[in-house]
């Protein structure tokens, strides 16, 4: 999510129409590609690759969600999903998959 917001604002796309509405511009392509690359790099670096995180990154970097309220909603949803997942794993005694 942070990589998406960083690229969205770095390329000045926050006040532009989103890619689905205004069309996929070269800046949208660069923003999307760079944000997914940064997300992949960060998650690989911490040893927790999670390909679906790229979708969240793209939703933001392509301008689909741009306002602070929308970004906070996504952050809250990610935190809630993570907490529920951890809680269910603890409750059910699920162990992580072997590497």
PDB file of N, CA and C in Angstrom:
ATOM      1  N   UNK A   1       0.819  -1.181   0.000  1.00  0.00           N
ATOM      2  CA  UNK A   1       0.000   0.000   0.000  1.00  0.00           C
ATOM      3  C   UNK A   1       0.868   1.251   0.000  1.00  0.00           C
ATOM      4  N   UNK A   2       1.921   1.228   0.788  1.00  0.00           N
ATOM      5  CA  UNK A   2       2.804   2.390   0.848  1.00  0.00           C
ATOM      6  C   UNK A   2       3.514   2.632  -0.473  1.00  0.00           C
ATOM      7  N   UNK A   3       3.938   1.568  -1.139  1.00  0.00           N
ATOM      8  CA  UNK A   3       4.599   1.721  -2.436  1.00  0.00           C
ATOM      9  C   UNK A   3       3.634   2.315  -3.458  1.00  0.00           C
ATOM     10  N   UNK A   4       2.388   1.899  -3.421  1.00  0.00           N
ATOM     11  CA  UNK A   4       1.380   2.436  -4.333  1.00  0.00           C
ATOM     12  C   UNK A   4       1.151   3.917  -4.113  1.00  0.00           C
ATOM     13  N   UNK A   5       1.003   4.317  -2.849  1.00  0.00           N
ATOM     14  CA  UNK A   5       0.790   5.732  -2.532  1.00  0.00           C
ATOM     15  C   UNK A   5       2.019   6.557  -2.881  1.00  0.00           C
ATOM     16  N   UNK A   6       3.205   6.016  -2.608  1.00  0.00           N
ATOM     17  CA  UNK A   6       4.441   6.712  -2.942  1.00  0.00           C
ATOM     18  C   UNK A   6       4.513   7.000  -4.443  1.00  0.00           C
ATOM     19  N   UNK A   7       4.243   5.997  -5.248  1.00  0.00           N
ATOM     20  CA  UNK A   7       4.304   6.178  -6.705  1.00  0.00           C
ATOM     21  C   UNK A   7       3.181   7.081  -7.208  1.00  0.00           C
ATOM     22  N   UNK A   8       1.993   6.941  -6.661  1.00  0.00           N
ATOM     23  CA  UNK A   8       0.865   7.784  -7.057  1.00  0.00           C
ATOM     24  C   UNK A   8       1.202   9.258  -6.871  1.00  0.00           C
ATOM     25  N   UNK A   9       1.742   9.595  -5.698  1.00  0.00           N
ATOM     26  CA  UNK A   9       2.055  10.988  -5.395  1.00  0.00           C
ATOM     27  C   UNK A   9       3.351  11.440  -6.072  1.00  0.00           C
ATOM     28  N   UNK A  10       4.329  10.559  -6.190  1.00  0.00           N
ATOM     29  CA  UNK A  10       5.598  10.925  -6.822  1.00  0.00           C
ATOM     30  C   UNK A  10       5.410  11.297  -8.289  1.00  0.00           C
ATOM     31  N   UNK A  11       4.481  10.631  -8.963  1.00  0.00           N
ATOM     32  CA  UNK A  11       4.225  10.924 -10.377  1.00  0.00           C
ATOM     33  C   UNK A  11       3.081  11.916 -10.572  1.00  0.00           C
ATOM     34  N   UNK A  12       2.560  12.480  -9.475  1.00  0.00           N
ATOM     35  CA  UNK A  12       1.521  13.505  -9.566  1.00  0.00           C
ATOM     36  C   UNK A  12       0.197  13.010 -10.101  1.00  0.00           C
ATOM     37  N   UNK A  13      -0.122  11.747  -9.849  1.00  0.00           N
ATOM     38  CA  UNK A  13      -1.354  11.167 -10.387  1.00  0.00           C
ATOM     39  C   UNK A  13      -2.559  11.278  -9.447  1.00  0.00           C
ATOM     40  N   UNK A  14      -2.343  11.808  -8.245  1.00  0.00           N
ATOM     41  CA  UNK A  14      -3.425  11.837  -7.268  1.00  0.00           C
ATOM     42  C   UNK A  14      -4.614  12.694  -7.698  1.00  0.00           C
ATOM     43  N   UNK A  15      -4.385  13.689  -8.531  1.00  0.00           N
ATOM     44  CA  UNK A  15      -5.480  14.554  -8.988  1.00  0.00           C
ATOM     45  C   UNK A  15      -5.888  14.272 -10.430  1.00  0.00           C
ATOM     46  N   UNK A  16      -5.328  13.235 -11.024  1.00  0.00           N
ATOM     47  CA  UNK A  16      -5.649  12.845 -12.400  1.00  0.00           C
ATOM     48  C   UNK A  16      -6.737  11.764 -12.376  1.00  0.00           C
ATOM     49  N   UNK A  17      -7.462  11.602 -13.473  1.00  0.00           N
ATOM     50  CA  UNK A  17      -8.421  10.488 -13.522  1.00  0.00           C
ATOM     51  C   UNK A  17      -7.688   9.154 -13.368  1.00  0.00           C
ATOM     52  N   UNK A  18      -8.327   8.211 -12.722  1.00  0.00           N
ATOM     53  CA  UNK A  18      -7.708   6.894 -12.548  1.00  0.00           C
ATOM     54  C   UNK A  18      -7.530   6.224 -13.906  1.00  0.00           C
ATOM     55  N   UNK A  19      -6.671   5.223 -13.943  1.00  0.00           N
ATOM     56  CA  UNK A  19      -6.418   4.509 -15.203  1.00  0.00           C
ATOM     57  C   UNK A  19      -7.703   3.926 -15.797  1.00  0.00           C
ATOM     58  N   UNK A  20      -8.597   3.312 -15.006  1.00  0.00           N
ATOM     59  CA  UNK A  20      -9.825   2.779 -15.610  1.00  0.00           C
ATOM     60  C   UNK A  20     -10.753   3.866 -16.162  1.00  0.00           C
ATOM     61  N   UNK A  21     -10.707   5.056 -15.582  1.00  0.00           N
ATOM     62  CA  UNK A  21     -11.606   6.128 -16.012  1.00  0.00           C
ATOM     63  C   UNK A  21     -11.002   6.945 -17.158  1.00  0.00           C
ATOM     64  N   UNK A  22      -9.756   7.389 -16.992  1.00  0.00           N
ATOM     65  CA  UNK A  22      -9.142   8.282 -17.969  1.00  0.00           C
ATOM     66  C   UNK A  22      -8.246   7.604 -18.981  1.00  0.00           C
ATOM     67  N   UNK A  23      -8.067   6.325 -18.841  1.00  0.00           N
ATOM     68  CA  UNK A  23      -7.181   5.606 -19.751  1.00  0.00           C
ATOM     69  C   UNK A  23      -5.813   5.381 -19.136  1.00  0.00           C
ATOM     70  N   UNK A  24      -5.154   4.386 -19.609  1.00  0.00           N
ATOM     71  CA  UNK A  24      -3.848   3.995 -19.092  1.00  0.00           C
ATOM     72  C   UNK A  24      -2.776   4.849 -19.770  1.00  0.00           C
ATOM     73  N   UNK A  25      -2.298   5.854 -19.050  1.00  0.00           N
ATOM     74  CA  UNK A  25      -1.266   6.749 -19.576  1.00  0.00           C
ATOM     75  C   UNK A  25       0.121   6.160 -19.309  1.00  0.00           C
ATOM     76  N   UNK A  26       1.138   6.679 -19.976  1.00  0.00           N
ATOM     77  CA  UNK A  26       2.493   6.205 -19.676  1.00  0.00           C
ATOM     78  C   UNK A  26       2.873   6.374 -18.206  1.00  0.00           C
ATOM     79  N   UNK A  27       2.432   7.468 -17.578  1.00  0.00           N
ATOM     80  CA  UNK A  27       2.730   7.654 -16.157  1.00  0.00           C
ATOM     81  C   UNK A  27       2.039   6.611 -15.290  1.00  0.00           C
ATOM     82  N   UNK A  28       0.832   6.213 -15.661  1.00  0.00           N
ATOM     83  CA  UNK A  28       0.151   5.143 -14.920  1.00  0.00           C
ATOM     84  C   UNK A  28       0.925   3.830 -15.042  1.00  0.00           C
ATOM     85  N   UNK A  29       1.409   3.549 -16.229  1.00  0.00           N
ATOM     86  CA  UNK A  29       2.172   2.309 -16.451  1.00  0.00           C
ATOM     87  C   UNK A  29       3.437   2.314 -15.602  1.00  0.00           C
ATOM     88  N   UNK A  30       4.166   3.433 -15.622  1.00  0.00           N
ATOM     89  CA  UNK A  30       5.393   3.531 -14.837  1.00  0.00           C
ATOM     90  C   UNK A  30       5.083   3.444 -13.352  1.00  0.00           C
ATOM     91  N   UNK A  31       4.057   4.156 -12.906  1.00  0.00           N
ATOM     92  CA  UNK A  31       3.659   4.135 -11.499  1.00  0.00           C
ATOM     93  C   UNK A  31       3.280   2.724 -11.059  1.00  0.00           C
ATOM     94  N   UNK A  32       2.478   2.054 -11.861  1.00  0.00           N
ATOM     95  CA  UNK A  32       2.058   0.695 -11.518  1.00  0.00           C
ATOM     96  C   UNK A  32       3.211  -0.280 -11.490  1.00  0.00           C
ATOM     97  N   UNK A  33       4.050  -0.232 -12.507  1.00  0.00           N
ATOM     98  CA  UNK A  33       5.185  -1.161 -12.580  1.00  0.00           C
ATOM     99  C   UNK A  33       6.165  -0.927 -11.437  1.00  0.00           C
ATOM    100  N   UNK A  34       6.487   0.331 -11.176  1.00  0.00           N
ATOM    101  CA  UNK A  34       7.435   0.638 -10.104  1.00  0.00           C
ATOM    102  C   UNK A  34       6.867   0.268  -8.738  1.00  0.00           C
ATOM    103  N   UNK A  35       5.588   0.537  -8.523  1.00  0.00           N
ATOM    104  CA  UNK A  35       4.995   0.232  -7.219  1.00  0.00           C
ATOM    105  C   UNK A  35       4.968  -1.277  -6.948  1.00  0.00           C
ATOM    106  N   UNK A  36       4.653  -2.077  -7.964  1.00  0.00           N
ATOM    107  CA  UNK A  36       4.651  -3.530  -7.787  1.00  0.00           C
ATOM    108  C   UNK A  36       6.084  -4.037  -7.589  1.00  0.00           C
ATOM    109  N   UNK A  37       7.030  -3.457  -8.312  1.00  0.00           N
ATOM    110  CA  UNK A  37       8.434  -3.847  -8.135  1.00  0.00           C
ATOM    111  C   UNK A  37       8.909  -3.534  -6.715  1.00  0.00           C
ATOM    112  N   UNK A  38       8.563  -2.350  -6.201  1.00  0.00           N
ATOM    113  CA  UNK A  38       8.946  -1.989  -4.834  1.00  0.00           C
ATOM    114  C   UNK A  38       8.290  -2.904  -3.806  1.00  0.00           C
ATOM    115  N   UNK A  39       7.030  -3.229  -4.027  1.00  0.00           N
ATOM    116  CA  UNK A  39       6.319  -4.132  -3.117  1.00  0.00           C
ATOM    117  C   UNK A  39       6.961  -5.514  -3.118  1.00  0.00           C
ATOM    118  N   UNK A  40       7.246  -6.017  -4.306  1.00  0.00           N
ATOM    119  CA  UNK A  40       7.885  -7.334  -4.425  1.00  0.00           C
ATOM    120  C   UNK A  40       9.260  -7.324  -3.762  1.00  0.00           C
ATOM    121  N   UNK A  41      10.036  -6.283  -3.991  1.00  0.00           N
ATOM    122  CA  UNK A  41      11.360  -6.166  -3.398  1.00  0.00           C
ATOM    123  C   UNK A  41      11.279  -6.146  -1.873  1.00  0.00           C
ATOM    124  N   UNK A  42      10.383  -5.315  -1.336  1.00  0.00           N
ATOM    125  CA  UNK A  42      10.265  -5.202   0.122  1.00  0.00           C
ATOM    126  C   UNK A  42       9.817  -6.520   0.753  1.00  0.00           C
ATOM    127  N   UNK A  43       8.819  -7.162   0.172  1.00  0.00           N
ATOM    128  CA  UNK A  43       8.317  -8.406   0.752  1.00  0.00           C
ATOM    129  C   UNK A  43       9.319  -9.546   0.606  1.00  0.00           C
ATOM    130  N   UNK A  44      10.068  -9.562  -0.472  1.00  0.00           N
ATOM    131  CA  UNK A  44      11.111 -10.578  -0.640  1.00  0.00           C
ATOM    132  C   UNK A  44      12.242 -10.324   0.346  1.00  0.00           C
ATOM    133  N   UNK A  45      12.591  -9.066   0.539  1.00  0.00           N
ATOM    134  CA  UNK A  45      13.669  -8.684   1.449  1.00  0.00           C
ATOM    135  C   UNK A  45      13.366  -9.123   2.888  1.00  0.00           C
ATOM    136  N   UNK A  46      12.101  -9.004   3.306  1.00  0.00           N
ATOM    137  CA  UNK A  46      11.759  -9.420   4.676  1.00  0.00           C
ATOM    138  C   UNK A  46      11.387 -10.900   4.751  1.00  0.00           C
ATOM    139  N   UNK A  47      11.480 -11.596   3.626  1.00  0.00           N
ATOM    140  CA  UNK A  47      11.232 -13.033   3.615  1.00  0.00           C
ATOM    141  C   UNK A  47       9.771 -13.425   3.705  1.00  0.00           C
ATOM    142  N   UNK A  48       8.877 -12.540   3.262  1.00  0.00           N
ATOM    143  CA  UNK A  48       7.450 -12.818   3.322  1.00  0.00           C
ATOM    144  C   UNK A  48       6.776 -12.473   1.992  1.00  0.00           C
ATOM    145  N   UNK A  49       7.178 -13.137   0.913  1.00  0.00           N
ATOM    146  CA  UNK A  49       6.547 -12.814  -0.374  1.00  0.00           C
ATOM    147  C   UNK A  49       5.045 -13.099  -0.340  1.00  0.00           C
ATOM    148  N   UNK A  50       4.284 -12.204  -0.929  1.00  0.00           N
ATOM    149  CA  UNK A  50       2.822 -12.329  -0.919  1.00  0.00           C
ATOM    150  C   UNK A  50       2.298 -11.709  -2.218  1.00  0.00           C
ATOM    151  N   UNK A  51       2.229 -12.490  -3.300  1.00  0.00           N
ATOM    152  CA  UNK A  51       1.822 -11.940  -4.601  1.00  0.00           C
ATOM    153  C   UNK A  51       0.525 -11.121  -4.590  1.00  0.00           C
ATOM    154  N   UNK A  52      -0.515 -11.489  -3.817  1.00  0.00           N
ATOM    155  CA  UNK A  52      -1.719 -10.653  -3.839  1.00  0.00           C
ATOM    156  C   UNK A  52      -1.494  -9.220  -3.364  1.00  0.00           C
ATOM    157  N   UNK A  53      -0.405  -8.965  -2.668  1.00  0.00           N
ATOM    158  CA  UNK A  53      -0.121  -7.591  -2.240  1.00  0.00           C
ATOM    159  C   UNK A  53       0.063  -6.673  -3.446  1.00  0.00           C
ATOM    160  N   UNK A  54       0.458  -7.246  -4.575  1.00  0.00           N
ATOM    161  CA  UNK A  54       0.607  -6.450  -5.786  1.00  0.00           C
ATOM    162  C   UNK A  54      -0.713  -5.849  -6.249  1.00  0.00           C
ATOM    163  N   UNK A  55      -1.809  -6.530  -5.986  1.00  0.00           N
ATOM    164  CA  UNK A  55      -3.121  -6.003  -6.388  1.00  0.00           C
ATOM    165  C   UNK A  55      -3.470  -4.760  -5.581  1.00  0.00           C
ATOM    166  N   UNK A  56      -3.218  -4.801  -4.285  1.00  0.00           N
ATOM    167  CA  UNK A  56      -3.477  -3.634  -3.440  1.00  0.00           C
ATOM    168  C   UNK A  56      -2.619  -2.466  -3.901  1.00  0.00           C
ATOM    169  N   UNK A  57      -1.371  -2.751  -4.195  1.00  0.00           N
ATOM    170  CA  UNK A  57      -0.448  -1.720  -4.665  1.00  0.00           C
ATOM    171  C   UNK A  57      -0.955  -1.090  -5.964  1.00  0.00           C
ATOM    172  N   UNK A  58      -1.414  -1.931  -6.894  1.00  0.00           N
ATOM    173  CA  UNK A  58      -1.909  -1.404  -8.175  1.00  0.00           C
ATOM    174  C   UNK A  58      -3.177  -0.578  -8.019  1.00  0.00           C
ATOM    175  N   UNK A  59      -4.063  -1.009  -7.150  1.00  0.00           N
ATOM    176  CA  UNK A  59      -5.307  -0.258  -6.928  1.00  0.00           C
ATOM    177  C   UNK A  59      -4.994   1.181  -6.532  1.00  0.00           C
ATOM    178  N   UNK A  60      -3.952   1.343  -5.759  1.00  0.00           N
ATOM    179  CA  UNK A  60      -3.585   2.687  -5.307  1.00  0.00           C
ATOM    180  C   UNK A  60      -2.745   3.414  -6.349  1.00  0.00           C
ATOM    181  N   UNK A  61      -1.720   2.764  -6.884  1.00  0.00           N
ATOM    182  CA  UNK A  61      -0.813   3.454  -7.814  1.00  0.00           C
ATOM    183  C   UNK A  61      -1.477   3.816  -9.137  1.00  0.00           C
ATOM    184  N   UNK A  62      -2.552   3.143  -9.507  1.00  0.00           N
ATOM    185  CA  UNK A  62      -3.270   3.484 -10.740  1.00  0.00           C
ATOM    186  C   UNK A  62      -4.372   4.515 -10.509  1.00  0.00           C
ATOM    187  N   UNK A  63      -4.474   4.996  -9.264  1.00  0.00           N
ATOM    188  CA  UNK A  63      -5.384   6.090  -8.964  1.00  0.00           C
ATOM    189  C   UNK A  63      -6.818   5.685  -8.698  1.00  0.00           C
ATOM    190  N   UNK A  64      -7.071   4.410  -8.459  1.00  0.00           N
ATOM    191  CA  UNK A  64      -8.441   3.969  -8.195  1.00  0.00           C
ATOM    192  C   UNK A  64      -8.885   4.433  -6.809  1.00  0.00           C
ATOM    193  N   UNK A  65      -7.980   4.374  -5.852  1.00  0.00           N
ATOM    194  CA  UNK A  65      -8.224   4.910  -4.510  1.00  0.00           C
ATOM    195  C   UNK A  65      -7.169   5.970  -4.241  1.00  0.00           C
ATOM    196  N   UNK A  66      -7.596   7.196  -3.930  1.00  0.00           N
ATOM    197  CA  UNK A  66      -6.622   8.288  -3.774  1.00  0.00           C
ATOM    198  C   UNK A  66      -6.816   9.139  -2.526  1.00  0.00           C
ATOM    199  N   UNK A  67      -8.023   9.245  -2.026  1.00  0.00           N
ATOM    200  CA  UNK A  67      -8.251  10.160  -0.904  1.00  0.00           C
ATOM    201  C   UNK A  67      -7.736   9.553   0.395  1.00  0.00           C
ATOM    202  N   UNK A  68      -7.407  10.405   1.365  1.00  0.00           N
ATOM    203  CA  UNK A  68      -6.950   9.888   2.656  1.00  0.00           C
ATOM    204  C   UNK A  68      -7.949   8.917   3.301  1.00  0.00           C
ATOM    205  N   UNK A  69      -9.232   9.183   3.155  1.00  0.00           N
ATOM    206  CA  UNK A  69     -10.241   8.284   3.730  1.00  0.00           C
ATOM    207  C   UNK A  69     -10.194   6.917   3.045  1.00  0.00           C
ATOM    208  N   UNK A  70     -10.055   6.908   1.728  1.00  0.00           N
ATOM    209  CA  UNK A  70      -9.970   5.642   1.004  1.00  0.00           C
ATOM    210  C   UNK A  70      -8.701   4.876   1.382  1.00  0.00           C
ATOM    211  N   UNK A  71      -7.578   5.581   1.479  1.00  0.00           N
ATOM    212  CA  UNK A  71      -6.321   4.931   1.846  1.00  0.00           C
ATOM    213  C   UNK A  71      -6.386   4.387   3.275  1.00  0.00           C
ATOM    214  N   UNK A  72      -6.996   5.142   4.178  1.00  0.00           N
ATOM    215  CA  UNK A  72      -7.151   4.671   5.555  1.00  0.00           C
ATOM    216  C   UNK A  72      -8.062   3.446   5.609  1.00  0.00           C
ATOM    217  N   UNK A  73      -9.082   3.420   4.769  1.00  0.00           N
ATOM    218  CA  UNK A  73      -9.982   2.261   4.726  1.00  0.00           C
ATOM    219  C   UNK A  73      -9.236   1.008   4.270  1.00  0.00           C
ATOM    220  N   UNK A  74      -8.385   1.158   3.269  1.00  0.00           N
ATOM    221  CA  UNK A  74      -7.598   0.014   2.800  1.00  0.00           C
ATOM    222  C   UNK A  74      -6.646  -0.449   3.898  1.00  0.00           C
ATOM    223  N   UNK A  75      -5.984   0.496   4.541  1.00  0.00           N
ATOM    224  CA  UNK A  75      -5.061   0.141   5.625  1.00  0.00           C
ATOM    225  C   UNK A  75      -5.800  -0.587   6.745  1.00  0.00           C
ATOM    226  N   UNK A  76      -6.967  -0.094   7.114  1.00  0.00           N
ATOM    227  CA  UNK A  76      -7.755  -0.746   8.167  1.00  0.00           C
ATOM    228  C   UNK A  76      -8.176  -2.150   7.749  1.00  0.00           C
ATOM    229  N   UNK A  77      -8.554  -2.314   6.499  1.00  0.00           N
ATOM    230  CA  UNK A  77      -8.950  -3.642   6.011  1.00  0.00           C
ATOM    231  C   UNK A  77      -7.778  -4.612   6.038  1.00  0.00           C
ATOM    232  N   UNK A  78      -6.590  -4.149   5.665  1.00  0.00           N
ATOM    233  CA  UNK A  78      -5.403  -5.006   5.694  1.00  0.00           C
ATOM    234  C   UNK A  78      -5.083  -5.412   7.131  1.00  0.00           C
ATOM    235  N   UNK A  79      -5.129  -4.454   8.043  1.00  0.00           N
ATOM    236  CA  UNK A  79      -4.844  -4.755   9.459  1.00  0.00           C
ATOM    237  C   UNK A  79      -5.881  -5.728  10.016  1.00  0.00           C
ATOM    238  N   UNK A  80      -7.153  -5.488   9.743  1.00  0.00           N
ATOM    239  CA  UNK A  80      -8.206  -6.382  10.256  1.00  0.00           C
ATOM    240  C   UNK A  80      -8.074  -7.786   9.685  1.00  0.00           C
ATOM    241  N   UNK A  81      -7.802  -7.903   8.401  1.00  0.00           N
ATOM    242  CA  UNK A  81      -7.638  -9.216   7.780  1.00  0.00           C
ATOM    243  C   UNK A  81      -6.457  -9.957   8.391  1.00  0.00           C
ATOM    244  N   UNK A  82      -5.364  -9.238   8.627  1.00  0.00           N
ATOM    245  CA  UNK A  82      -4.175  -9.842   9.231  1.00  0.00           C
ATOM    246  C   UNK A  82      -4.471 -10.311  10.655  1.00  0.00           C
ATOM    247  N   UNK A  83      -5.112  -9.473  11.442  1.00  0.00           N
ATOM    248  CA  UNK A  83      -5.431  -9.846  12.824  1.00  0.00           C
ATOM    249  C   UNK A  83      -6.386 -11.032  12.892  1.00  0.00           C
ATOM    250  N   UNK A  84      -7.379 -11.038  12.040  1.00  0.00           N
ATOM    251  CA  UNK A  84      -8.322 -12.167  12.008  1.00  0.00           C
ATOM    252  C   UNK A  84      -7.602 -13.447  11.592  1.00  0.00           C
ATOM    253  N   UNK A  85      -6.725 -13.334  10.596  1.00  0.00           N
ATOM    254  CA  UNK A  85      -5.953 -14.497  10.160  1.00  0.00           C
ATOM    255  C   UNK A  85      -5.062 -15.037  11.258  1.00  0.00           C
ATOM    256  N   UNK A  86      -4.351 -14.150  11.945  1.00  0.00           N
ATOM    257  CA  UNK A  86      -3.500 -14.593  13.063  1.00  0.00           C
ATOM    258  C   UNK A  86      -4.346 -15.230  14.155  1.00  0.00           C
ATOM    259  N   UNK A  87      -5.471 -14.586  14.476  1.00  0.00           N
ATOM    260  CA  UNK A  87      -6.343 -15.124  15.523  1.00  0.00           C
ATOM    261  C   UNK A  87      -6.866 -16.512  15.171  1.00  0.00           C
ATOM    262  N   UNK A  88      -7.313 -16.697  13.939  1.00  0.00           N
ATOM    263  CA  UNK A  88      -7.800 -18.014  13.519  1.00  0.00           C
ATOM    264  C   UNK A  88      -6.681 -19.057  13.544  1.00  0.00           C
ATOM    265  N   UNK A  89      -5.490 -18.668  13.110  1.00  0.00           N
ATOM    266  CA  UNK A  89      -4.361 -19.599  13.153  1.00  0.00           C
ATOM    267  C   UNK A  89      -4.049 -20.014  14.588  1.00  0.00           C
ATOM    268  N   UNK A  90      -4.080 -19.068  15.502  1.00  0.00           N
ATOM    269  CA  UNK A  90      -3.818 -19.395  16.911  1.00  0.00           C
ATOM    270  C   UNK A  90      -4.931 -20.272  17.477  1.00  0.00           C
ATOM    271  N   UNK A  91      -6.173 -19.933  17.172  1.00  0.00           N
ATOM    272  CA  UNK A  91      -7.327 -20.678  17.677  1.00  0.00           C
ATOM    273  C   UNK A  91      -7.345 -22.108  17.158  1.00  0.00           C
ATOM    274  N   UNK A  92      -7.007 -22.270  15.892  1.00  0.00           N
ATOM    275  CA  UNK A  92      -7.045 -23.598  15.279  1.00  0.00           C
ATOM    276  C   UNK A  92      -5.731 -24.353  15.402  1.00  0.00           C
ATOM    277  N   UNK A  93      -4.710 -23.709  15.952  1.00  0.00           N
ATOM    278  CA  UNK A  93      -3.429 -24.373  16.115  1.00  0.00           C
ATOM    279  C   UNK A  93      -2.734 -24.644  14.793  1.00  0.00           C
ATOM    280  N   UNK A  94      -3.013 -23.828  13.801  1.00  0.00           N
ATOM    281  CA  UNK A  94      -2.416 -24.019  12.480  1.00  0.00           C
ATOM    282  C   UNK A  94      -0.945 -23.611  12.520  1.00  0.00           C
ATOM    283  N   UNK A  95      -0.117 -24.435  11.922  1.00  0.00           N
ATOM    284  CA  UNK A  95       1.311 -24.126  11.851  1.00  0.00           C
ATOM    285  C   UNK A  95       1.628 -23.605  10.455  1.00  0.00           C
ATOM    286  N   UNK A  96       2.652 -22.765  10.357  1.00  0.00           N
ATOM    287  CA  UNK A  96       3.045 -22.284   9.032  1.00  0.00           C
ATOM    288  C   UNK A  96       3.524 -23.428   8.154  1.00  0.00           C
ATOM    289  N   UNK A  97       3.333 -23.282   6.864  1.00  0.00           N
ATOM    290  CA  UNK A  97       3.786 -24.299   5.921  1.00  0.00           C
ATOM    291  C   UNK A  97       5.310 -24.335   5.911  1.00  0.00           C
ATOM    292  N   UNK A  98       5.895 -25.521   5.779  1.00  0.00           N
ATOM    293  CA  UNK A  98       7.369 -25.598   5.726  1.00  0.00           C
ATOM    294  C   UNK A  98       7.901 -24.940   4.466  1.00  0.00           C
ATOM    295  N   UNK A  99       9.097 -24.402   4.571  1.00  0.00           N
ATOM    296  CA  UNK A  99       9.718 -23.738   3.416  1.00  0.00           C
ATOM    297  C   UNK A  99      10.502 -24.703   2.586  1.00  0.00           C
TER     298      UNK A  99
END
